[in-house]
Amino acid sequence: MGETMTDYDHIAAAVIFLLIVGGLIWRALDRRIYGADPQAQPHGDIPGPSK
């Protein structure tokens, strides 16, 4: 890439940023609802390591 970011670079960066922030918020909400119990099942339909 050059010195300036293209629109696609900005879009990609925004999507990645939103995915990371959204994932952190999602996990924080799971902890608030279920507590810090590692056996609690996370809600939602996003597969991933939950243990």
Protein backbone atom coordinates (compact mmCIF):
# COMPACT_ATOMS: atom_id res chain seq x y z
CA MET A 1 0.00 0.00 0.00
CA GLY A 2 1.01 3.60 -0.43
CA GLU A 3 0.91 6.44 2.02
CA THR A 4 -2.85 6.94 1.70
CA MET A 5 -5.54 4.39 2.47
CA THR A 6 -8.16 3.69 -0.17
CA ASP A 7 -11.87 3.47 0.53
CA TYR A 8 -11.60 -0.32 0.52
CA ASP A 9 -8.84 -0.19 3.12
CA HIS A 10 -11.02 2.01 5.32
CA ILE A 11 -14.00 -0.32 4.88
CA ALA A 12 -11.91 -3.39 5.69
CA ALA A 13 -10.41 -1.71 8.75
CA ALA A 14 -13.87 -0.62 9.93
CA VAL A 15 -15.30 -4.13 9.48
CA ILE A 16 -12.43 -5.73 11.39
CA PHE A 17 -12.69 -3.09 14.13
CA LEU A 18 -16.44 -3.61 14.47
CA LEU A 19 -16.02 -7.40 14.59
CA ILE A 20 -13.42 -7.16 17.37
CA VAL A 21 -15.34 -4.57 19.40
CA GLY A 22 -18.63 -6.39 18.84
CA GLY A 23 -17.09 -9.67 19.97
CA LEU A 24 -15.73 -8.07 23.13
CA ILE A 25 -19.10 -6.49 23.92
CA TRP A 26 -20.85 -9.80 23.18
CA ARG A 27 -18.59 -11.65 25.62
CA ALA A 28 -19.00 -8.91 28.23
CA LEU A 29 -22.79 -9.19 27.95
CA ASP A 30 -22.54 -12.97 28.32
CA ARG A 31 -20.54 -12.51 31.52
CA ARG A 32 -23.05 -10.00 32.90
CA ILE A 33 -25.99 -12.31 32.14
CA TYR A 34 -24.46 -15.65 33.11
CA GLY A 35 -21.78 -14.52 35.53
CA ALA A 36 -18.16 -15.71 35.44
CA ASP A 37 -19.23 -19.37 35.51
CA PRO A 38 -17.08 -21.16 32.89
CA GLN A 39 -19.83 -23.79 32.49
CA ALA A 40 -22.40 -21.21 31.42
CA GLN A 41 -23.54 -21.54 27.82
CA PRO A 42 -23.08 -18.35 25.80
CA HIS A 43 -26.16 -17.16 23.96
CA GLY A 44 -26.34 -16.22 20.30
CA ASP A 45 -25.51 -18.17 17.17
CA ILE A 46 -21.84 -17.29 16.82
CA PRO A 47 -19.81 -20.53 17.11
CA GLY A 48 -16.50 -20.42 18.88
CA PRO A 49 -14.54 -21.63 21.90
CA SER A 50 -16.78 -21.08 24.90
CA LYS A 51 -14.86 -23.07 27.51
